[in-house]
Structures are given as structure tokens and as C-alpha cells.
Amino acid sequence: MVCRDCCCGTPKLPGVDHEAQTTRLSETVPTRITDCLDVCDQANVVVVQPSTEARAAGARPVWLGLVNDPDATEDVVSWVRAGGPGLAPMPPILDLYVFTPPRRQRAM
């Protein structure tokens, strides 16, 4: 899942080729474009979802922030192609991008 809304994927991050990143991800791995994920300070945000099999075994989504260069995008692509969370070890370089999103407050 790739955030493309108010900060992610916009000119607010100059020098980042957002279209190339989105195209690369979409052409190589299952990709869903989403509206704002409410973690704008981490733009560009990519959330790598585990497969159904991996989720059943306990794997959870991995949130990656500041994914703003082609090398980071390639690391994400390689990991997803290898199986992603729960099925393939995350490349150590991606540790630099992992963050825990704040819990969203539910409207009452």
C-alpha cells in the first residue's frame, strides 16, 4: 500500500520522483494506492502487507517511512518478491525506514 495524498507523492517532497516510484511498485508487486494515512511526517509511506498465509501465522503489516529514493523502493520490491513479512527476512537496510504508526482515534 502506497500513500499518495496530502504530503506523500506531492511536490512537498522536492526531488522525489513519486510517479516513478508508484509505477515501479505497481509494475512489479501488488500495489494499492491509498489516501492519507495520517503520518505525514514520514512521507513517503509504504505499508507492506503480509500474505494471507503469513498473516494466519501471525505476521503483521510493516510500515516504512521516508521511502524517498529509488534504492529504497528496490529494496521494498525485492523483499515483497521474496515473500514479504512473515515469509522472507526483511533486508537489514529497511530497518532504517520502519516505524510504528500512532493509533488512530475513533470518532465517537
PDB file of N, CA and C in Angstrom:
ATOM      1  N   MET A   1       0.861  -1.156   0.000  1.00  0.00           N
ATOM      2  CA  MET A   1       0.000   0.000   0.000  1.00  0.00           C
ATOM      3  C   MET A   1       0.911   1.224   0.000  1.00  0.00           C
ATOM      4  N   VAL A   2       0.618   2.167  -0.891  1.00  0.00           N
ATOM      5  CA  VAL A   2       1.422   3.376  -1.025  1.00  0.00           C
ATOM      6  C   VAL A   2       0.526   4.592  -0.777  1.00  0.00           C
ATOM      7  N   CYS A   3       0.929   5.419   0.163  1.00  0.00           N
ATOM      8  CA  CYS A   3       0.186   6.641   0.444  1.00  0.00           C
ATOM      9  C   CYS A   3       0.477   7.662  -0.654  1.00  0.00           C
ATOM     10  N   ARG A   4      -0.576   8.266  -1.173  1.00  0.00           N
ATOM     11  CA  ARG A   4      -0.436   9.314  -2.181  1.00  0.00           C
ATOM     12  C   ARG A   4      -1.549  10.335  -1.946  1.00  0.00           C
ATOM     13  N   ASP A   5      -1.291  11.248  -1.015  1.00  0.00           N
ATOM     14  CA  ASP A   5      -2.316  12.244  -0.726  1.00  0.00           C
ATOM     15  C   ASP A   5      -1.667  13.569  -0.383  1.00  0.00           C
ATOM     16  N   CYS A   6      -1.929  14.103   0.780  1.00  0.00           N
ATOM     17  CA  CYS A   6      -1.566  15.484   1.072  1.00  0.00           C
ATOM     18  C   CYS A   6      -0.072  15.746   1.105  1.00  0.00           C
ATOM     19  N   CYS A   7       0.734  14.809   1.566  1.00  0.00           N
ATOM     20  CA  CYS A   7       2.189  15.007   1.613  1.00  0.00           C
ATOM     21  C   CYS A   7       2.925  13.958   0.783  1.00  0.00           C
ATOM     22  N   CYS A   8       2.546  12.712   0.954  1.00  0.00           N
ATOM     23  CA  CYS A   8       3.176  11.644   0.184  1.00  0.00           C
ATOM     24  C   CYS A   8       2.799  11.801  -1.289  1.00  0.00           C
ATOM     25  N   GLY A   9       3.791  11.736  -2.130  1.00  0.00           N
ATOM     26  CA  GLY A   9       3.517  11.794  -3.562  1.00  0.00           C
ATOM     27  C   GLY A   9       3.235  13.177  -4.097  1.00  0.00           C
ATOM     28  N   THR A  10       3.666  14.219  -3.375  1.00  0.00           N
ATOM     29  CA  THR A  10       3.376  15.587  -3.805  1.00  0.00           C
ATOM     30  C   THR A  10       4.667  16.405  -3.908  1.00  0.00           C
ATOM     31  N   PRO A  11       4.569  17.588  -4.485  1.00  0.00           N
ATOM     32  CA  PRO A  11       5.737  18.476  -4.571  1.00  0.00           C
ATOM     33  C   PRO A  11       6.262  18.941  -3.208  1.00  0.00           C
ATOM     34  N   LYS A  12       5.583  18.613  -2.126  1.00  0.00           N
ATOM     35  CA  LYS A  12       6.096  18.962  -0.798  1.00  0.00           C
ATOM     36  C   LYS A  12       7.420  18.253  -0.520  1.00  0.00           C
ATOM     37  N   LEU A  13       7.696  17.200  -1.297  1.00  0.00           N
ATOM     38  CA  LEU A  13       8.968  16.489  -1.207  1.00  0.00           C
ATOM     39  C   LEU A  13       9.710  16.691  -2.521  1.00  0.00           C
ATOM     40  N   PRO A  14      10.364  17.832  -2.668  1.00  0.00           N
ATOM     41  CA  PRO A  14      11.038  18.121  -3.939  1.00  0.00           C
ATOM     42  C   PRO A  14      12.175  17.142  -4.211  1.00  0.00           C
ATOM     43  N   GLY A  15      12.380  16.872  -5.483  1.00  0.00           N
ATOM     44  CA  GLY A  15      13.469  15.993  -5.888  1.00  0.00           C
ATOM     45  C   GLY A  15      13.137  14.521  -5.832  1.00  0.00           C
ATOM     46  N   VAL A  16      11.924  14.178  -5.420  1.00  0.00           N
ATOM     47  CA  VAL A  16      11.499  12.778  -5.375  1.00  0.00           C
ATOM     48  C   VAL A  16      10.596  12.513  -6.576  1.00  0.00           C
ATOM     49  N   ASP A  17      10.913  11.487  -7.339  1.00  0.00           N
ATOM     50  CA  ASP A  17      10.095  11.123  -8.494  1.00  0.00           C
ATOM     51  C   ASP A  17       9.006  10.169  -8.031  1.00  0.00           C
ATOM     52  N   HIS A  18       7.919  10.753  -7.541  1.00  0.00           N
ATOM     53  CA  HIS A  18       6.814   9.980  -6.983  1.00  0.00           C
ATOM     54  C   HIS A  18       6.173   9.078  -8.033  1.00  0.00           C
ATOM     55  N   GLU A  19       6.024   9.599  -9.231  1.00  0.00           N
ATOM     56  CA  GLU A  19       5.393   8.814 -10.289  1.00  0.00           C
ATOM     57  C   GLU A  19       6.237   7.583 -10.625  1.00  0.00           C
ATOM     58  N   ALA A  20       7.549   7.751 -10.693  1.00  0.00           N
ATOM     59  CA  ALA A  20       8.425   6.613 -10.987  1.00  0.00           C
ATOM     60  C   ALA A  20       8.339   5.570  -9.870  1.00  0.00           C
ATOM     61  N   GLN A  21       8.266   6.028  -8.631  1.00  0.00           N
ATOM     62  CA  GLN A  21       8.157   5.098  -7.518  1.00  0.00           C
ATOM     63  C   GLN A  21       6.850   4.314  -7.595  1.00  0.00           C
ATOM     64  N   THR A  22       5.755   5.022  -7.793  1.00  0.00           N
ATOM     65  CA  THR A  22       4.456   4.364  -7.874  1.00  0.00           C
ATOM     66  C   THR A  22       4.416   3.389  -9.049  1.00  0.00           C
ATOM     67  N   THR A  23       4.957   3.803 -10.185  1.00  0.00           N
ATOM     68  CA  THR A  23       4.983   2.941 -11.362  1.00  0.00           C
ATOM     69  C   THR A  23       5.812   1.693 -11.095  1.00  0.00           C
ATOM     70  N   ARG A  24       6.993   1.867 -10.520  1.00  0.00           N
ATOM     71  CA  ARG A  24       7.864   0.721 -10.245  1.00  0.00           C
ATOM     72  C   ARG A  24       7.182  -0.275  -9.319  1.00  0.00           C
ATOM     73  N   LEU A  25       6.578   0.214  -8.262  1.00  0.00           N
ATOM     74  CA  LEU A  25       5.888  -0.681  -7.340  1.00  0.00           C
ATOM     75  C   LEU A  25       4.716  -1.377  -8.031  1.00  0.00           C
ATOM     76  N   SER A  26       3.912  -0.620  -8.739  1.00  0.00           N
ATOM     77  CA  SER A  26       2.713  -1.175  -9.384  1.00  0.00           C
ATOM     78  C   SER A  26       3.042  -2.198 -10.463  1.00  0.00           C
ATOM     79  N   GLU A  27       4.152  -2.004 -11.144  1.00  0.00           N
ATOM     80  CA  GLU A  27       4.532  -2.914 -12.225  1.00  0.00           C
ATOM     81  C   GLU A  27       5.167  -4.211 -11.720  1.00  0.00           C
ATOM     82  N   THR A  28       5.623  -4.214 -10.476  1.00  0.00           N
ATOM     83  CA  THR A  28       6.396  -5.363 -10.014  1.00  0.00           C
ATOM     84  C   THR A  28       5.785  -6.132  -8.853  1.00  0.00           C
ATOM     85  N   VAL A  29       4.977  -5.480  -8.030  1.00  0.00           N
ATOM     86  CA  VAL A  29       4.357  -6.154  -6.888  1.00  0.00           C
ATOM     87  C   VAL A  29       2.916  -5.660  -6.752  1.00  0.00           C
ATOM     88  N   PRO A  30       2.048  -6.458  -6.119  1.00  0.00           N
ATOM     89  CA  PRO A  30       0.675  -5.982  -5.908  1.00  0.00           C
ATOM     90  C   PRO A  30       0.703  -4.676  -5.115  1.00  0.00           C
ATOM     91  N   THR A  31       0.068  -3.656  -5.662  1.00  0.00           N
ATOM     92  CA  THR A  31       0.126  -2.325  -5.047  1.00  0.00           C
ATOM     93  C   THR A  31      -1.254  -1.699  -5.007  1.00  0.00           C
ATOM     94  N   ARG A  32      -1.560  -1.116  -3.874  1.00  0.00           N
ATOM     95  CA  ARG A  32      -2.793  -0.355  -3.724  1.00  0.00           C
ATOM     96  C   ARG A  32      -2.401   1.062  -3.340  1.00  0.00           C
ATOM     97  N   ILE A  33      -2.952   2.028  -4.051  1.00  0.00           N
ATOM     98  CA  ILE A  33      -2.724   3.443  -3.745  1.00  0.00           C
ATOM     99  C   ILE A  33      -3.813   3.873  -2.763  1.00  0.00           C
ATOM    100  N   THR A  34      -3.410   4.582  -1.733  1.00  0.00           N
ATOM    101  CA  THR A  34      -4.369   4.992  -0.716  1.00  0.00           C
ATOM    102  C   THR A  34      -4.297   6.492  -0.468  1.00  0.00           C
ATOM    103  N   ASP A  35      -5.353   7.007   0.127  1.00  0.00           N
ATOM    104  CA  ASP A  35      -5.363   8.395   0.576  1.00  0.00           C
ATOM    105  C   ASP A  35      -4.494   8.498   1.832  1.00  0.00           C
ATOM    106  N   CYS A  36      -4.509   9.648   2.440  1.00  0.00           N
ATOM    107  CA  CYS A  36      -3.653   9.957   3.579  1.00  0.00           C
ATOM    108  C   CYS A  36      -3.749   8.905   4.694  1.00  0.00           C
ATOM    109  N   LEU A  37      -2.584   8.481   5.162  1.00  0.00           N
ATOM    110  CA  LEU A  37      -2.501   7.529   6.267  1.00  0.00           C
ATOM    111  C   LEU A  37      -2.220   8.232   7.601  1.00  0.00           C
ATOM    112  N   ASP A  38      -2.244   9.558   7.589  1.00  0.00           N
ATOM    113  CA  ASP A  38      -2.089  10.366   8.804  1.00  0.00           C
ATOM    114  C   ASP A  38      -0.726  10.239   9.471  1.00  0.00           C
ATOM    115  N   VAL A  39       0.301  10.047   8.684  1.00  0.00           N
ATOM    116  CA  VAL A  39       1.673  10.039   9.205  1.00  0.00           C
ATOM    117  C   VAL A  39       2.542  10.874   8.257  1.00  0.00           C
ATOM    118  N   CYS A  40       2.088  12.085   8.028  1.00  0.00           N
ATOM    119  CA  CYS A  40       2.714  12.964   7.034  1.00  0.00           C
ATOM    120  C   CYS A  40       4.183  13.245   7.316  1.00  0.00           C
ATOM    121  N   ASP A  41       4.592  13.200   8.567  1.00  0.00           N
ATOM    122  CA  ASP A  41       5.998  13.441   8.893  1.00  0.00           C
ATOM    123  C   ASP A  41       6.901  12.298   8.414  1.00  0.00           C
ATOM    124  N   GLN A  42       6.308  11.214   7.922  1.00  0.00           N
ATOM    125  CA  GLN A  42       7.068  10.065   7.432  1.00  0.00           C
ATOM    126  C   GLN A  42       7.019   9.928   5.903  1.00  0.00           C
ATOM    127  N   ALA A  43       6.473  10.918   5.205  1.00  0.00           N
ATOM    128  CA  ALA A  43       6.293  10.829   3.750  1.00  0.00           C
ATOM    129  C   ALA A  43       7.623  10.544   3.049  1.00  0.00           C
ATOM    130  N   ASN A  44       7.561   9.706   2.114  1.00  0.00           N
ATOM    131  CA  ASN A  44       6.589   8.826   1.500  1.00  0.00           C
ATOM    132  C   ASN A  44       6.435   7.547   2.322  1.00  0.00           C
ATOM    133  N   VAL A  45       5.185   7.132   2.506  1.00  0.00           N
ATOM    134  CA  VAL A  45       4.892   5.971   3.333  1.00  0.00           C
ATOM    135  C   VAL A  45       4.483   4.799   2.448  1.00  0.00           C
ATOM    136  N   VAL A  46       5.075   3.647   2.748  1.00  0.00           N
ATOM    137  CA  VAL A  46       4.735   2.384   2.092  1.00  0.00           C
ATOM    138  C   VAL A  46       4.431   1.392   3.199  1.00  0.00           C
ATOM    139  N   VAL A  47       3.284   0.716   3.116  1.00  0.00           N
ATOM    140  CA  VAL A  47       2.923  -0.304   4.093  1.00  0.00           C
ATOM    141  C   VAL A  47       2.961  -1.643   3.369  1.00  0.00           C
ATOM    142  N   VAL A  48       3.825  -2.534   3.849  1.00  0.00           N
ATOM    143  CA  VAL A  48       3.957  -3.847   3.229  1.00  0.00           C
ATOM    144  C   VAL A  48       3.083  -4.823   4.009  1.00  0.00           C
ATOM    145  N   GLN A  49       2.069  -5.335   3.334  1.00  0.00           N
ATOM    146  CA  GLN A  49       1.117  -6.249   3.945  1.00  0.00           C
ATOM    147  C   GLN A  49       1.615  -7.683   3.820  1.00  0.00           C
ATOM    148  N   PRO A  50       1.431  -8.493   4.850  1.00  0.00           N
ATOM    149  CA  PRO A  50       1.788  -9.903   4.729  1.00  0.00           C
ATOM    150  C   PRO A  50       0.770 -10.631   3.850  1.00  0.00           C
ATOM    151  N   SER A  51       1.204 -11.730   3.280  1.00  0.00           N
ATOM    152  CA  SER A  51       0.289 -12.565   2.509  1.00  0.00           C
ATOM    153  C   SER A  51      -0.744 -13.166   3.467  1.00  0.00           C
ATOM    154  N   THR A  52      -1.791 -13.722   2.921  1.00  0.00           N
ATOM    155  CA  THR A  52      -2.820 -14.370   3.739  1.00  0.00           C
ATOM    156  C   THR A  52      -2.201 -15.468   4.597  1.00  0.00           C
ATOM    157  N   GLU A  53      -1.334 -16.257   3.987  1.00  0.00           N
ATOM    158  CA  GLU A  53      -0.647 -17.343   4.697  1.00  0.00           C
ATOM    159  C   GLU A  53       0.200 -16.793   5.851  1.00  0.00           C
ATOM    160  N   ALA A  54       0.950 -15.757   5.584  1.00  0.00           N
ATOM    161  CA  ALA A  54       1.810 -15.175   6.615  1.00  0.00           C
ATOM    162  C   ALA A  54       0.986 -14.527   7.720  1.00  0.00           C
ATOM    163  N   ARG A  55      -0.110 -13.866   7.353  1.00  0.00           N
ATOM    164  CA  ARG A  55      -0.968 -13.240   8.369  1.00  0.00           C
ATOM    165  C   ARG A  55      -1.570 -14.311   9.286  1.00  0.00           C
ATOM    166  N   ALA A  56      -1.977 -15.434   8.698  1.00  0.00           N
ATOM    167  CA  ALA A  56      -2.532 -16.526   9.501  1.00  0.00           C
ATOM    168  C   ALA A  56      -1.496 -17.062  10.494  1.00  0.00           C
ATOM    169  N   ALA A  57      -0.233 -16.950  10.137  1.00  0.00           N
ATOM    170  CA  ALA A  57       0.853 -17.404  11.005  1.00  0.00           C
ATOM    171  C   ALA A  57       1.305 -16.320  11.984  1.00  0.00           C
ATOM    172  N   GLY A  58       0.659 -15.149  11.944  1.00  0.00           N
ATOM    173  CA  GLY A  58       0.963 -14.098  12.908  1.00  0.00           C
ATOM    174  C   GLY A  58       1.700 -12.882  12.379  1.00  0.00           C
ATOM    175  N   ALA A  59       2.054 -12.866  11.102  1.00  0.00           N
ATOM    176  CA  ALA A  59       2.764 -11.703  10.541  1.00  0.00           C
ATOM    177  C   ALA A  59       1.832 -10.496  10.501  1.00  0.00           C
ATOM    178  N   ARG A  60       2.407  -9.331  10.656  1.00  0.00           N
ATOM    179  CA  ARG A  60       1.651  -8.083  10.645  1.00  0.00           C
ATOM    180  C   ARG A  60       2.227  -7.148   9.592  1.00  0.00           C
ATOM    181  N   PRO A  61       1.440  -6.137   9.186  1.00  0.00           N
ATOM    182  CA  PRO A  61       1.954  -5.157   8.219  1.00  0.00           C
ATOM    183  C   PRO A  61       3.197  -4.444   8.759  1.00  0.00           C
ATOM    184  N   VAL A  62       4.065  -4.085   7.850  1.00  0.00           N
ATOM    185  CA  VAL A  62       5.272  -3.333   8.209  1.00  0.00           C
ATOM    186  C   VAL A  62       5.160  -1.957   7.574  1.00  0.00           C
ATOM    187  N   TRP A  63       5.236  -0.930   8.397  1.00  0.00           N
ATOM    188  CA  TRP A  63       5.134   0.456   7.938  1.00  0.00           C
ATOM    189  C   TRP A  63       6.534   0.994   7.696  1.00  0.00           C
ATOM    190  N   LEU A  64       6.732   1.521   6.495  1.00  0.00           N
ATOM    191  CA  LEU A  64       8.017   2.101   6.111  1.00  0.00           C
ATOM    192  C   LEU A  64       7.811   3.573   5.791  1.00  0.00           C
ATOM    193  N   GLY A  65       8.620   4.423   6.371  1.00  0.00           N
ATOM    194  CA  GLY A  65       8.519   5.853   6.123  1.00  0.00           C
ATOM    195  C   GLY A  65       9.786   6.399   5.509  1.00  0.00           C
ATOM    196  N   LEU A  66       9.653   7.571   4.921  1.00  0.00           N
ATOM    197  CA  LEU A  66      10.766   8.268   4.277  1.00  0.00           C
ATOM    198  C   LEU A  66      11.346   7.436   3.132  1.00  0.00           C
ATOM    199  N   VAL A  67      10.486   6.695   2.449  1.00  0.00           N
ATOM    200  CA  VAL A  67      10.904   5.884   1.300  1.00  0.00           C
ATOM    201  C   VAL A  67      10.936   6.826   0.101  1.00  0.00           C
ATOM    202  N   ASN A  68      12.054   7.532  -0.026  1.00  0.00           N
ATOM    203  CA  ASN A  68      12.129   8.630  -0.987  1.00  0.00           C
ATOM    204  C   ASN A  68      13.226   8.502  -2.035  1.00  0.00           C
ATOM    205  N   ASP A  69      13.842   7.344  -2.122  1.00  0.00           N
ATOM    206  CA  ASP A  69      14.831   7.194  -3.191  1.00  0.00           C
ATOM    207  C   ASP A  69      14.645   5.854  -3.896  1.00  0.00           C
ATOM    208  N   PRO A  70      15.094   5.755  -5.118  1.00  0.00           N
ATOM    209  CA  PRO A  70      14.890   4.534  -5.907  1.00  0.00           C
ATOM    210  C   PRO A  70      15.500   3.292  -5.271  1.00  0.00           C
ATOM    211  N   ASP A  71      16.620   3.423  -4.573  1.00  0.00           N
ATOM    212  CA  ASP A  71      17.229   2.252  -3.937  1.00  0.00           C
ATOM    213  C   ASP A  71      16.314   1.679  -2.855  1.00  0.00           C
ATOM    214  N   ALA A  72      15.688   2.540  -2.082  1.00  0.00           N
ATOM    215  CA  ALA A  72      14.756   2.073  -1.050  1.00  0.00           C
ATOM    216  C   ALA A  72      13.564   1.375  -1.694  1.00  0.00           C
ATOM    217  N   THR A  73      13.074   1.937  -2.777  1.00  0.00           N
ATOM    218  CA  THR A  73      11.957   1.309  -3.491  1.00  0.00           C
ATOM    219  C   THR A  73      12.358  -0.077  -3.976  1.00  0.00           C
ATOM    220  N   GLU A  74      13.569  -0.206  -4.512  1.00  0.00           N
ATOM    221  CA  GLU A  74      14.046  -1.513  -4.987  1.00  0.00           C
ATOM    222  C   GLU A  74      14.181  -2.508  -3.841  1.00  0.00           C
ATOM    223  N   ASP A  75      14.591  -2.037  -2.676  1.00  0.00           N
ATOM    224  CA  ASP A  75      14.680  -2.926  -1.513  1.00  0.00           C
ATOM    225  C   ASP A  75      13.297  -3.434  -1.121  1.00  0.00           C
ATOM    226  N   VAL A  76      12.296  -2.573  -1.184  1.00  0.00           N
ATOM    227  CA  VAL A  76      10.924  -2.977  -0.886  1.00  0.00           C
ATOM    228  C   VAL A  76      10.459  -4.013  -1.923  1.00  0.00           C
ATOM    229  N   VAL A  77      10.686  -3.733  -3.193  1.00  0.00           N
ATOM    230  CA  VAL A  77      10.286  -4.656  -4.264  1.00  0.00           C
ATOM    231  C   VAL A  77      10.933  -6.027  -4.057  1.00  0.00           C
ATOM    232  N   SER A  78      12.219  -6.050  -3.780  1.00  0.00           N
ATOM    233  CA  SER A  78      12.930  -7.322  -3.592  1.00  0.00           C
ATOM    234  C   SER A  78      12.346  -8.115  -2.430  1.00  0.00           C
ATOM    235  N   TRP A  79      12.053  -7.419  -1.343  1.00  0.00           N
ATOM    236  CA  TRP A  79      11.501  -8.098  -0.167  1.00  0.00           C
ATOM    237  C   TRP A  79      10.125  -8.677  -0.458  1.00  0.00           C
ATOM    238  N   VAL A  80       9.266  -7.898  -1.095  1.00  0.00           N
ATOM    239  CA  VAL A  80       7.917  -8.382  -1.409  1.00  0.00           C
ATOM    240  C   VAL A  80       7.995  -9.574  -2.358  1.00  0.00           C
ATOM    241  N   ARG A  81       8.840  -9.486  -3.363  1.00  0.00           N
ATOM    242  CA  ARG A  81       9.002 -10.609  -4.300  1.00  0.00           C
ATOM    243  C   ARG A  81       9.500 -11.866  -3.602  1.00  0.00           C
ATOM    244  N   ALA A  82      10.295 -11.701  -2.552  1.00  0.00           N
ATOM    245  CA  ALA A  82      10.818 -12.852  -1.806  1.00  0.00           C
ATOM    246  C   ALA A  82       9.777 -13.437  -0.852  1.00  0.00           C
ATOM    247  N   GLY A  83       8.674 -12.717  -0.627  1.00  0.00           N
ATOM    248  CA  GLY A  83       7.611 -13.221   0.240  1.00  0.00           C
ATOM    249  C   GLY A  83       7.085 -12.206   1.228  1.00  0.00           C
ATOM    250  N   GLY A  84       7.880 -11.187   1.562  1.00  0.00           N
ATOM    251  CA  GLY A  84       7.414 -10.132   2.454  1.00  0.00           C
ATOM    252  C   GLY A  84       7.322 -10.570   3.906  1.00  0.00           C
ATOM    253  N   PRO A  85       6.608  -9.785   4.727  1.00  0.00           N
ATOM    254  CA  PRO A  85       6.536 -10.034   6.164  1.00  0.00           C
ATOM    255  C   PRO A  85       6.065 -11.454   6.482  1.00  0.00           C
ATOM    256  N   GLY A  86       6.812 -12.105   7.372  1.00  0.00           N
ATOM    257  CA  GLY A  86       6.435 -13.431   7.824  1.00  0.00           C
ATOM    258  C   GLY A  86       6.940 -14.562   6.951  1.00  0.00           C
ATOM    259  N   LEU A  87       7.313 -14.260   5.717  1.00  0.00           N
ATOM    260  CA  LEU A  87       7.797 -15.314   4.820  1.00  0.00           C
ATOM    261  C   LEU A  87       9.240 -15.122   4.399  1.00  0.00           C
ATOM    262  N   ALA A  88       9.707 -13.898   4.377  1.00  0.00           N
ATOM    263  CA  ALA A  88      11.089 -13.610   3.979  1.00  0.00           C
ATOM    264  C   ALA A  88      11.683 -12.618   4.968  1.00  0.00           C
ATOM    265  N   PRO A  89      12.939 -12.802   5.310  1.00  0.00           N
ATOM    266  CA  PRO A  89      13.556 -11.823   6.203  1.00  0.00           C
ATOM    267  C   PRO A  89      13.607 -10.448   5.545  1.00  0.00           C
ATOM    268  N   MET A  90      13.328  -9.427   6.329  1.00  0.00           N
ATOM    269  CA  MET A  90      13.393  -8.076   5.807  1.00  0.00           C
ATOM    270  C   MET A  90      14.860  -7.705   5.596  1.00  0.00           C
ATOM    271  N   PRO A  91      15.190  -7.113   4.435  1.00  0.00           N
ATOM    272  CA  PRO A  91      16.571  -6.677   4.238  1.00  0.00           C
ATOM    273  C   PRO A  91      16.966  -5.705   5.357  1.00  0.00           C
ATOM    274  N   PRO A  92      18.138  -5.891   5.952  1.00  0.00           N
ATOM    275  CA  PRO A  92      18.547  -5.035   7.073  1.00  0.00           C
ATOM    276  C   PRO A  92      18.468  -3.533   6.769  1.00  0.00           C
ATOM    277  N   ILE A  93      18.712  -3.139   5.525  1.00  0.00           N
ATOM    278  CA  ILE A  93      18.665  -1.716   5.178  1.00  0.00           C
ATOM    279  C   ILE A  93      17.275  -1.126   5.427  1.00  0.00           C
ATOM    280  N   LEU A  94      16.239  -1.950   5.304  1.00  0.00           N
ATOM    281  CA  LEU A  94      14.879  -1.435   5.517  1.00  0.00           C
ATOM    282  C   LEU A  94      14.596  -1.128   6.978  1.00  0.00           C
ATOM    283  N   ASP A  95      15.425  -1.631   7.894  1.00  0.00           N
ATOM    284  CA  ASP A  95      15.275  -1.259   9.314  1.00  0.00           C
ATOM    285  C   ASP A  95      15.317   0.249   9.494  1.00  0.00           C
ATOM    286  N   LEU A  96      16.051   0.927   8.621  1.00  0.00           N
ATOM    287  CA  LEU A  96      16.155   2.385   8.707  1.00  0.00           C
ATOM    288  C   LEU A  96      14.828   3.081   8.427  1.00  0.00           C
ATOM    289  N   TYR A  97      13.923   2.407   7.764  1.00  0.00           N
ATOM    290  CA  TYR A  97      12.656   3.011   7.337  1.00  0.00           C
ATOM    291  C   TYR A  97      11.458   2.590   8.188  1.00  0.00           C
ATOM    292  N   VAL A  98      11.617   1.552   8.988  1.00  0.00           N
ATOM    293  CA  VAL A  98      10.490   1.022   9.770  1.00  0.00           C
ATOM    294  C   VAL A  98      10.092   2.017  10.853  1.00  0.00           C
ATOM    295  N   PHE A  99       8.784   2.192  10.990  1.00  0.00           N
ATOM    296  CA  PHE A  99       8.268   2.989  12.103  1.00  0.00           C
ATOM    297  C   PHE A  99       6.932   2.411  12.541  1.00  0.00           C
ATOM    298  N   THR A 100       6.542   2.756  13.749  1.00  0.00           N
ATOM    299  CA  THR A 100       5.262   2.321  14.286  1.00  0.00           C
ATOM    300  C   THR A 100       4.292   3.481  14.179  1.00  0.00           C
ATOM    301  N   PRO A 101       3.209   3.301  13.417  1.00  0.00           N
ATOM    302  CA  PRO A 101       2.261   4.410  13.270  1.00  0.00           C
ATOM    303  C   PRO A 101       1.489   4.618  14.565  1.00  0.00           C
ATOM    304  N   PRO A 102       1.126   5.863  14.843  1.00  0.00           N
ATOM    305  CA  PRO A 102       0.298   6.107  16.029  1.00  0.00           C
ATOM    306  C   PRO A 102      -1.082   5.508  15.816  1.00  0.00           C
ATOM    307  N   ARG A 103      -1.688   5.137  16.877  1.00  0.00           N
ATOM    308  CA  ARG A 103      -3.059   4.594  16.779  1.00  0.00           C
ATOM    309  C   ARG A 103      -4.012   5.737  16.434  1.00  0.00           C
ATOM    310  N   ARG A 104      -4.917   5.433  15.535  1.00  0.00           N
ATOM    311  CA  ARG A 104      -5.925   6.442  15.162  1.00  0.00           C
ATOM    312  C   ARG A 104      -7.008   6.488  16.228  1.00  0.00           C
ATOM    313  N   GLN A 105      -7.473   7.669  16.510  1.00  0.00           N
ATOM    314  CA  GLN A 105      -8.568   7.850  17.453  1.00  0.00           C
ATOM    315  C   GLN A 105      -9.885   7.609  16.737  1.00  0.00           C
ATOM    316  N   ARG A 106     -10.717   6.784  17.324  1.00  0.00           N
ATOM    317  CA  ARG A 106     -12.027   6.540  16.709  1.00  0.00           C
ATOM    318  C   ARG A 106     -12.997   7.664  17.064  1.00  0.00           C
ATOM    319  N   ALA A 107     -13.748   8.086  16.064  1.00  0.00           N
ATOM    320  CA  ALA A 107     -14.755   9.124  16.305  1.00  0.00           C
ATOM    321  C   ALA A 107     -15.893   8.536  17.133  1.00  0.00           C
ATOM    322  N   MET A 108     -16.375   9.329  18.076  1.00  0.00           N
ATOM    323  CA  MET A 108     -17.480   8.839  18.919  1.00  0.00           C
ATOM    324  C   MET A 108     -18.770   9.471  18.515  1.00  0.00           C
TER     325      MET A 108
END
